[in-house]
């Protein structure tokens, strides 16, 4: 959430940010109007309270009963007026909060201005595209032929966009999760095992509400949401806390299944297992001092790239433009791996610095060691990596002419030494 003082004092900055994100700028004017109304109401309330306090002292000093009764009656009317104004203030503040919470983060000055994903900038490509002396199969053909991917039973059990991984396919998925968690631990992250359901306040604090309400699965009786990403409970770990400066930075990693109501459309982007309502992901997350967050963004990007390199992927790093930037993010790198069967680049990680945007929503601060006023932390998040696209790339890039798939060497310890899936 943006600082209301920032919107009040520099509304043109926020308008420009919204324009660059291809969004309507009118909420800024509405915020300014409501903020002015709120301050006017508060001035009236304070004046009436001051009047009531002064008259109360006069009543205490008054010797004449009639005079006291007259003033007491008048103060009852003042009290009623104060109550009415307090309710009006609360209503205005609720409306102001609702509008402000729907304003996205301000893009970093390094974020290129663009209208859509077509204007994202490829920073570099690492590795060469794999070459085959046969026509490589896409995973939606390769997996069923190997007996490790079953679309029909997934649909039978639950519905469209669900699937079953079987035998070595399920083991390969589990191996990837274990490998990535262990790698991130070696990179300096502390593993967390988190609840897969969280409260509304936690989802709001992470910036998923109100914008993404239609994409979340909710238990309305218990006021719990299934997590759309481990970023949400990782934000919630220190919600409403004041950390000590010496504790920072904090590096966390976690595996969770993720649940999202994907808005499906026809086309190749939804074929196979690239998009589903349930998927697995390993997350990296950081809490840091503001002055350190830009440096740590580069560390997180390097850590995600190291995962791609260890798995033998050809990958590229893109910087998202303002028109494709996530709601919370000020600056984002996407990492995409090549999938030979799909014949396309698949995003497996988005690494973002959200600055103090989540910390303001979740009320997460740190106390400077010099004893100064508590400050909001900066938070960063990134996939390390997201499944099943990582699984897709392994299957498609490591397939052989006979339809088998070679298991990357780094995964074999978790595969019981299995080198080839046949």
Protein backbone atom coordinates (compact mmCIF):
# COMPACT_ATOMS: atom_id res chain seq x y z
CA UNK A 1 0.00 0.00 0.00
CA UNK A 2 1.25 3.48 -0.79
CA UNK A 3 1.85 6.03 1.93
CA UNK A 4 -1.14 8.41 2.02
CA UNK A 5 1.29 11.28 2.60
CA UNK A 6 2.98 10.43 -0.68
CA UNK A 7 -0.32 10.55 -2.57
CA UNK A 8 -1.31 13.80 -0.84
CA UNK A 9 2.04 15.54 -1.38
CA UNK A 10 2.98 14.17 -4.81
CA UNK A 11 -0.21 13.15 -6.62
CA UNK A 12 1.35 13.67 -10.06
CA UNK A 13 3.93 10.96 -9.30
CA UNK A 14 1.11 8.51 -8.58
CA UNK A 15 -0.87 9.60 -11.64
CA UNK A 16 2.18 9.04 -13.84
CA UNK A 17 2.73 5.62 -12.29
CA UNK A 18 -0.86 4.62 -13.03
CA UNK A 19 -0.63 5.95 -16.58
CA UNK A 20 2.55 3.96 -17.16
CA UNK A 21 0.77 0.87 -15.86
CA UNK A 22 -2.05 1.51 -18.35
CA UNK A 23 -4.50 2.21 -15.53
CA UNK A 24 -7.15 4.83 -14.79
CA UNK A 25 -5.79 7.82 -12.86
CA UNK A 26 -9.15 9.02 -11.48
CA UNK A 27 -8.76 7.17 -8.14
CA UNK A 28 -6.01 9.66 -7.25
CA UNK A 29 -8.48 12.54 -7.41
CA UNK A 30 -11.00 10.57 -5.37
CA UNK A 31 -8.36 9.82 -2.73
CA UNK A 32 -7.46 13.51 -2.51
CA UNK A 33 -11.14 14.46 -2.20
CA UNK A 34 -11.80 11.92 0.55
CA UNK A 35 -8.60 12.83 2.37
CA UNK A 36 -9.61 16.51 2.39
CA UNK A 37 -13.12 15.59 3.58
CA UNK A 38 -11.68 13.40 6.34
CA UNK A 39 -9.38 16.16 7.58
CA UNK A 40 -12.23 18.68 7.52
CA UNK A 41 -14.42 16.34 9.56
CA UNK A 42 -11.62 15.70 12.05
CA UNK A 43 -11.15 19.46 12.47
CA UNK A 44 -14.85 19.79 13.28
CA UNK A 45 -14.68 16.91 15.74
CA UNK A 46 -11.66 18.36 17.52
CA UNK A 47 -13.34 21.78 17.75
CA UNK A 48 -16.49 20.27 19.25
CA UNK A 49 -14.47 18.19 21.71
CA UNK A 50 -12.53 21.26 22.75
CA UNK A 51 -15.81 23.11 23.26
CA UNK A 52 -17.21 20.23 25.30
CA UNK A 53 -14.12 20.10 27.49
CA UNK A 54 -14.21 23.85 28.12
CA UNK A 55 -17.92 23.87 28.94
CA UNK A 56 -17.51 20.82 31.20
CA UNK A 57 -15.07 22.83 33.28
CA UNK A 58 -17.54 25.73 33.39
CA UNK A 59 -20.26 23.36 34.56
CA UNK A 60 -18.01 22.14 37.33
CA UNK A 61 -17.41 25.72 38.50
CA UNK A 62 -21.01 26.90 38.11
CA UNK A 63 -23.02 27.50 41.29
CA UNK A 64 -26.44 27.92 39.68
CA UNK A 65 -28.37 24.72 38.96
CA UNK A 66 -30.36 26.23 36.09
CA UNK A 67 -27.20 27.36 34.33
CA UNK A 68 -25.63 23.94 34.77
CA UNK A 69 -28.68 22.17 33.37
CA UNK A 70 -28.76 24.47 30.35
CA UNK A 71 -25.11 23.81 29.61
CA UNK A 72 -25.45 20.06 30.21
CA UNK A 73 -28.33 19.91 27.71
CA UNK A 74 -26.30 21.86 25.19
CA UNK A 75 -23.36 19.49 25.65
CA UNK A 76 -25.63 16.51 25.07
CA UNK A 77 -26.37 17.97 21.65
CA UNK A 78 -22.64 18.53 21.11
CA UNK A 79 -22.00 14.91 22.11
CA UNK A 80 -24.59 13.70 19.62
CA UNK A 81 -22.98 15.84 16.94
CA UNK A 82 -19.55 14.40 17.80
CA UNK A 83 -20.93 10.85 17.56
CA UNK A 84 -22.48 11.58 14.16
CA UNK A 85 -19.23 13.10 12.90
CA UNK A 86 -17.20 10.17 14.27
CA UNK A 87 -19.38 7.79 12.26
CA UNK A 88 -18.98 9.98 9.18
CA UNK A 89 -15.19 9.97 9.67
CA UNK A 90 -15.19 6.18 9.99
CA UNK A 91 -17.21 5.83 6.78
CA UNK A 92 -14.89 8.16 4.89
CA UNK A 93 -11.81 6.38 6.24
CA UNK A 94 -13.23 3.01 5.16
CA UNK A 95 -13.88 4.33 1.65
CA UNK A 96 -10.46 5.95 1.54
CA UNK A 97 -8.79 2.71 2.66
CA UNK A 98 -10.64 0.67 0.04
CA UNK A 99 -9.58 2.95 -2.81
CA UNK A 100 -6.00 3.36 -1.59
CA UNK A 101 -5.55 -0.39 -1.16
CA UNK A 102 -6.41 -0.88 -4.84
CA UNK A 103 -3.60 1.44 -6.00
CA UNK A 104 -0.56 -0.61 -7.18
CA UNK A 105 3.04 0.07 -6.29
CA UNK A 106 4.98 2.82 -8.04
CA UNK A 107 7.37 1.36 -10.63
CA UNK A 108 11.07 1.80 -10.01
CA UNK A 109 12.73 4.37 -12.27
CA UNK A 110 14.69 1.49 -13.85
CA UNK A 111 11.49 -0.26 -14.92
CA UNK A 112 11.03 0.37 -18.65
CA UNK A 113 7.80 2.10 -19.66
CA UNK A 114 5.65 -0.11 -21.87
CA UNK A 115 2.06 -1.02 -22.57
CA UNK A 116 2.15 -4.83 -22.44
CA UNK A 117 4.32 -7.94 -22.14
CA UNK A 118 5.38 -7.39 -25.73
CA UNK A 119 7.55 -4.52 -24.49
CA UNK A 120 9.37 -6.45 -21.77
CA UNK A 121 13.12 -6.24 -22.28
CA UNK A 122 15.30 -9.34 -22.74
CA UNK A 123 18.49 -8.60 -20.82
CA UNK A 124 20.45 -11.72 -21.77
CA UNK A 125 20.19 -15.35 -22.80
CA UNK A 126 22.32 -18.08 -21.24
CA UNK A 127 23.05 -21.31 -23.11
CA UNK A 128 22.22 -22.61 -26.56
CA UNK A 129 18.86 -23.96 -27.68
CA UNK A 130 18.98 -27.77 -27.61
CA UNK A 131 19.16 -29.53 -30.96
CA UNK A 132 17.60 -32.90 -31.81
CA UNK A 133 17.99 -35.31 -34.71
CA UNK A 134 14.29 -36.14 -34.32
CA UNK A 135 11.09 -34.14 -33.82
CA UNK A 136 10.85 -33.47 -30.04
CA UNK A 137 7.46 -34.12 -28.49
CA UNK A 138 5.56 -31.70 -26.29
CA UNK A 139 5.02 -32.88 -22.73
CA UNK A 140 1.31 -33.48 -23.31
CA UNK A 141 2.30 -36.27 -25.72
CA UNK A 142 5.54 -37.33 -24.06
CA UNK A 143 4.19 -37.70 -20.51
CA UNK A 144 1.21 -39.94 -21.33
CA UNK A 145 3.37 -42.07 -23.65
CA UNK A 146 5.78 -42.67 -20.73
CA UNK A 147 2.88 -43.44 -18.41
CA UNK A 148 3.84 -40.66 -15.99
CA UNK A 149 1.17 -38.06 -16.81
CA UNK A 150 -2.56 -38.77 -16.81
CA UNK A 151 -4.95 -36.04 -17.92
CA UNK A 152 -8.06 -38.21 -18.08
CA UNK A 153 -7.96 -39.32 -14.46
CA UNK A 154 -7.20 -35.81 -13.25
CA UNK A 155 -10.31 -34.61 -15.05
CA UNK A 156 -12.33 -37.54 -13.72
CA UNK A 157 -11.27 -36.89 -10.13
CA UNK A 158 -11.71 -33.10 -10.11
CA UNK A 159 -12.29 -31.47 -13.49
CA UNK A 160 -10.55 -29.65 -16.29
CA UNK A 161 -7.07 -28.24 -15.68
CA UNK A 162 -6.22 -30.98 -13.19
CA UNK A 163 -3.95 -33.96 -13.85
CA UNK A 164 -2.22 -36.88 -12.14
CA UNK A 165 1.54 -37.45 -12.05
CA UNK A 166 2.33 -41.15 -11.78
CA UNK A 167 5.32 -43.25 -10.73
CA UNK A 168 8.59 -41.65 -11.88
CA UNK A 169 6.70 -38.49 -12.85
CA UNK A 170 5.50 -37.97 -9.29
CA UNK A 171 8.95 -38.82 -7.98
CA UNK A 172 10.57 -36.34 -10.38
CA UNK A 173 8.26 -33.60 -9.12
CA UNK A 174 9.16 -34.43 -5.52
CA UNK A 175 12.87 -34.57 -6.42
CA UNK A 176 12.70 -31.08 -7.90
CA UNK A 177 11.11 -29.66 -4.76
CA UNK A 178 13.69 -31.29 -2.46
CA UNK A 179 16.60 -30.27 -4.69
CA UNK A 180 15.49 -26.63 -4.87
CA UNK A 181 14.87 -26.34 -1.13
CA UNK A 182 18.30 -27.79 -0.35
CA UNK A 183 19.95 -25.49 -2.90
CA UNK A 184 18.29 -22.41 -1.41
CA UNK A 185 19.36 -23.46 2.08
CA UNK A 186 22.96 -23.57 0.82
CA UNK A 187 22.39 -20.10 -0.67
CA UNK A 188 21.59 -18.77 2.80
CA UNK A 189 17.80 -19.15 3.09
CA UNK A 190 16.03 -20.71 6.08
CA UNK A 191 13.36 -23.24 5.18
CA UNK A 192 9.84 -22.71 6.52
CA UNK A 193 6.99 -25.22 6.51
CA UNK A 194 3.88 -23.08 6.32
CA UNK A 195 0.11 -23.42 6.62
CA UNK A 196 -1.51 -23.90 3.23
CA UNK A 197 -4.50 -21.81 4.37
CA UNK A 198 -4.33 -18.26 5.71
CA UNK A 199 -6.63 -15.58 7.10
CA UNK A 200 -8.03 -12.66 5.15
CA UNK A 201 -5.71 -10.22 6.95
CA UNK A 202 -2.70 -12.25 5.79
CA UNK A 203 -3.88 -12.26 2.18
CA UNK A 204 -4.52 -8.52 2.31
CA UNK A 205 -1.12 -7.86 3.87
CA UNK A 206 0.58 -9.69 1.01
CA UNK A 207 -1.24 -7.53 -1.53
CA UNK A 208 -3.47 -10.25 -2.96
CA UNK A 209 -6.66 -8.55 -1.79
CA UNK A 210 -8.75 -6.87 -2.98
CA UNK A 211 -7.34 -7.03 -6.53
CA UNK A 212 -7.14 -10.82 -6.91
CA UNK A 213 -10.22 -11.83 -4.91
CA UNK A 214 -11.80 -13.54 -7.92
CA UNK A 215 -8.74 -15.77 -8.41
CA UNK A 216 -8.56 -17.10 -4.86
CA UNK A 217 -10.18 -20.14 -3.29
CA UNK A 218 -11.88 -19.33 0.02
CA UNK A 219 -13.55 -21.19 2.87
CA UNK A 220 -16.22 -18.62 3.67
CA UNK A 221 -17.33 -20.31 6.90
CA UNK A 222 -13.87 -20.14 8.46
CA UNK A 223 -12.56 -16.98 6.76
CA UNK A 224 -9.59 -18.88 5.34
CA UNK A 225 -8.01 -18.77 1.90
CA UNK A 226 -5.95 -21.46 0.20
CA UNK A 227 -2.56 -19.94 -0.53
CA UNK A 228 -2.02 -18.73 -4.11
CA UNK A 229 1.74 -18.70 -3.41
CA UNK A 230 4.04 -19.14 -0.40
CA UNK A 231 4.71 -15.41 -0.67
CA UNK A 232 1.45 -14.85 1.22
CA UNK A 233 2.19 -16.81 4.44
CA UNK A 234 5.86 -15.72 4.27
CA UNK A 235 4.65 -12.12 4.40
CA UNK A 236 2.38 -13.07 7.28
CA UNK A 237 5.23 -14.50 9.36
CA UNK A 238 6.14 -11.06 10.72
CA UNK A 239 2.84 -9.24 10.29
CA UNK A 240 2.29 -6.59 13.00
CA UNK A 241 5.83 -7.02 14.32
CA UNK A 242 8.76 -4.69 14.93
CA UNK A 243 12.01 -6.47 14.15
CA UNK A 244 15.42 -5.44 15.44
CA UNK A 245 17.85 -4.07 12.86
CA UNK A 246 20.36 -6.76 13.84
CA UNK A 247 17.90 -9.43 12.67
CA UNK A 248 17.95 -8.13 9.10
CA UNK A 249 18.19 -9.31 6.45
CA UNK A 250 16.00 -12.39 6.84
CA UNK A 251 16.08 -14.96 4.01
CA UNK A 252 13.30 -17.57 3.84
CA UNK A 253 12.43 -20.38 1.47
CA UNK A 254 9.34 -22.55 1.44
CA UNK A 255 7.49 -25.10 -0.63
CA UNK A 256 3.72 -24.91 -0.91
CA UNK A 257 1.09 -26.14 -3.29
CA UNK A 258 -0.56 -23.10 -4.85
CA UNK A 259 -4.25 -22.70 -5.64
CA UNK A 260 -5.56 -20.17 -8.16
CA UNK A 261 -8.74 -19.89 -10.17
CA UNK A 262 -6.98 -19.42 -13.51
CA UNK A 263 -9.07 -17.53 -16.03
CA UNK A 264 -8.66 -19.86 -18.99
CA UNK A 265 -8.68 -18.93 -22.64
CA UNK A 266 -8.30 -21.00 -25.78
CA UNK A 267 -4.83 -21.36 -27.26
CA UNK A 268 -1.54 -23.11 -26.75
CA UNK A 269 -0.77 -21.28 -23.49
CA UNK A 270 -3.30 -23.44 -21.66
CA UNK A 271 -2.51 -26.79 -23.29
CA UNK A 272 -0.90 -29.48 -21.16
CA UNK A 273 0.09 -28.63 -17.60
CA UNK A 274 1.43 -25.10 -18.07
CA UNK A 275 -1.56 -23.52 -16.34
CA UNK A 276 -3.73 -25.18 -13.74
CA UNK A 277 -5.76 -24.42 -10.67
CA UNK A 278 -3.28 -26.32 -8.46
CA UNK A 279 0.49 -26.35 -8.83
CA UNK A 280 3.67 -26.60 -6.75
CA UNK A 281 6.22 -23.88 -6.18
CA UNK A 282 9.32 -23.23 -4.13
CA UNK A 283 9.54 -19.61 -3.00
CA UNK A 284 12.39 -17.32 -1.94
CA UNK A 285 11.55 -14.37 0.30
CA UNK A 286 13.54 -11.60 1.97
CA UNK A 287 12.99 -8.99 4.67
CA UNK A 288 15.59 -6.24 4.50
CA UNK A 289 16.47 -2.68 5.33
CA UNK A 290 15.46 -0.22 2.59
CA UNK A 291 19.04 0.67 1.67
CA UNK A 292 19.91 -3.00 1.06
CA UNK A 293 16.95 -4.12 -1.02
CA UNK A 294 18.33 -3.27 -4.47
CA UNK A 295 21.52 -5.24 -3.82
CA UNK A 296 19.56 -8.19 -2.47
CA UNK A 297 17.27 -8.16 -5.51
CA UNK A 298 20.32 -9.02 -7.59
CA UNK A 299 21.26 -11.80 -5.18
CA UNK A 300 17.80 -13.31 -5.45
CA UNK A 301 17.93 -13.13 -9.25
CA UNK A 302 21.35 -14.83 -9.22
CA UNK A 303 20.01 -17.54 -6.89
CA UNK A 304 17.11 -18.26 -9.25
CA UNK A 305 19.48 -18.35 -12.21
CA UNK A 306 21.74 -20.77 -10.33
CA UNK A 307 18.80 -23.18 -10.08
CA UNK A 308 18.30 -23.00 -13.85
CA UNK A 309 21.99 -23.56 -14.50
CA UNK A 310 22.15 -26.55 -12.15
CA UNK A 311 19.26 -28.18 -14.05
CA UNK A 312 21.03 -27.60 -17.36
CA UNK A 313 18.46 -25.18 -18.76
CA UNK A 314 18.89 -22.68 -21.52
CA UNK A 315 17.26 -19.61 -20.03
CA UNK A 316 16.83 -15.90 -20.51
CA UNK A 317 16.32 -12.98 -18.13
CA UNK A 318 13.73 -10.34 -18.92
CA UNK A 319 12.90 -7.10 -17.19
CA UNK A 320 9.19 -6.42 -17.04
CA UNK A 321 7.86 -3.13 -18.35
CA UNK A 322 5.33 -1.00 -16.49
CA UNK A 323 2.40 -2.43 -18.48
CA UNK A 324 3.20 -5.99 -17.35
CA UNK A 325 4.47 -5.30 -13.85
CA UNK A 326 2.75 -7.09 -10.97
CA UNK A 327 0.48 -5.17 -8.58
CA UNK A 328 2.94 -5.28 -5.65
CA UNK A 329 6.16 -4.87 -7.55
CA UNK A 330 8.38 -1.86 -8.16
CA UNK A 331 10.84 -3.82 -10.32
CA UNK A 332 10.70 -7.41 -11.60
CA UNK A 333 12.96 -9.82 -13.45
CA UNK A 334 11.33 -12.78 -15.18
CA UNK A 335 13.39 -15.88 -15.84
CA UNK A 336 12.20 -18.05 -18.72
CA UNK A 337 13.50 -21.48 -19.72
CA UNK A 338 13.36 -22.99 -23.17
CA UNK A 339 11.05 -25.96 -23.69
CA UNK A 340 11.91 -27.82 -26.89
CA UNK A 341 8.63 -29.72 -27.29
CA UNK A 342 6.39 -26.67 -26.77
CA UNK A 343 8.94 -24.73 -28.81
CA UNK A 344 8.62 -21.72 -26.52
CA UNK A 345 10.01 -19.89 -23.53
CA UNK A 346 8.29 -20.70 -20.24
CA UNK A 347 8.40 -18.37 -17.24
CA UNK A 348 9.62 -20.29 -14.20
CA UNK A 349 10.48 -17.38 -11.89
CA UNK A 350 9.56 -13.77 -11.25
CA UNK A 351 11.97 -12.00 -8.89
CA UNK A 352 10.63 -8.75 -7.48
CA UNK A 353 11.47 -5.95 -5.10
CA UNK A 354 8.20 -4.63 -3.67
CA UNK A 355 9.96 -2.14 -1.38
CA UNK A 356 7.76 -1.17 1.62
CA UNK A 357 4.48 -1.83 -0.24
CA UNK A 358 3.67 -5.10 1.56
CA UNK A 359 5.20 -3.95 4.84
CA UNK A 360 2.77 -1.03 5.02
CA UNK A 361 -0.19 -3.31 4.40
CA UNK A 362 1.02 -5.94 6.88
CA UNK A 363 2.51 -3.42 9.37
CA UNK A 364 6.03 -4.86 9.44
CA UNK A 365 8.74 -2.56 10.78
CA UNK A 366 12.23 -2.69 12.19
CA UNK A 367 13.81 -0.67 14.98
CA UNK A 368 17.09 1.00 13.95
CA UNK A 369 20.03 0.15 16.19
CA UNK A 370 20.62 3.86 16.84
CA UNK A 371 17.29 4.04 18.62
CA UNK A 372 15.51 6.03 15.92
CA UNK A 373 11.88 5.74 14.94
CA UNK A 374 10.74 2.34 13.69
CA UNK A 375 10.78 2.08 9.87
CA UNK A 376 8.98 -0.15 7.41
CA UNK A 377 11.09 -3.02 6.05
CA UNK A 378 11.45 -3.80 2.38
CA UNK A 379 10.35 -7.23 1.14
CA UNK A 380 11.42 -9.20 -1.92
CA UNK A 381 10.07 -12.39 -3.40
CA UNK A 382 10.93 -14.80 -6.17
CA UNK A 383 10.10 -18.29 -7.42
CA UNK A 384 12.91 -20.70 -7.03
CA UNK A 385 11.46 -22.28 -9.26
CA UNK A 386 7.80 -22.70 -10.15
CA UNK A 387 6.40 -26.06 -11.08
CA UNK A 388 5.13 -27.60 -13.31
CA UNK A 389 6.90 -25.51 -15.96
CA UNK A 390 10.27 -26.59 -14.59
CA UNK A 391 9.08 -30.18 -14.93
CA UNK A 392 7.92 -29.49 -18.50
CA UNK A 393 11.35 -28.16 -19.47
CA UNK A 394 13.11 -31.21 -18.00
CA UNK A 395 10.87 -33.66 -19.85
CA UNK A 396 10.98 -31.86 -23.19
CA UNK A 397 14.66 -30.88 -23.25
CA UNK A 398 15.98 -34.23 -22.01
CA UNK A 399 13.88 -36.53 -24.18
CA UNK A 400 15.54 -39.14 -26.36
CA UNK A 401 14.64 -40.54 -29.77
CA UNK A 402 13.17 -43.68 -28.16
CA UNK A 403 10.76 -41.57 -26.06
CA UNK A 404 12.73 -41.89 -22.81
CA UNK A 405 13.84 -38.94 -20.68
CA UNK A 406 17.27 -38.51 -19.11
CA UNK A 407 17.09 -37.33 -15.48
CA UNK A 408 19.38 -34.35 -14.75
CA UNK A 409 22.32 -35.48 -12.68
CA UNK A 410 21.59 -33.12 -9.78
CA UNK A 411 18.17 -34.75 -9.29
CA UNK A 412 19.31 -38.37 -9.26
CA UNK A 413 20.01 -38.55 -5.49
CA UNK A 414 16.28 -37.87 -4.93
CA UNK A 415 15.33 -40.31 -7.71
CA UNK A 416 16.96 -43.29 -6.03
CA UNK A 417 19.72 -43.20 -8.63
CA UNK A 418 17.32 -43.47 -11.59
CA UNK A 419 19.11 -42.00 -14.61
CA UNK A 420 16.50 -42.50 -17.31
CA UNK A 421 12.68 -42.54 -17.26
CA UNK A 422 11.48 -45.09 -19.82
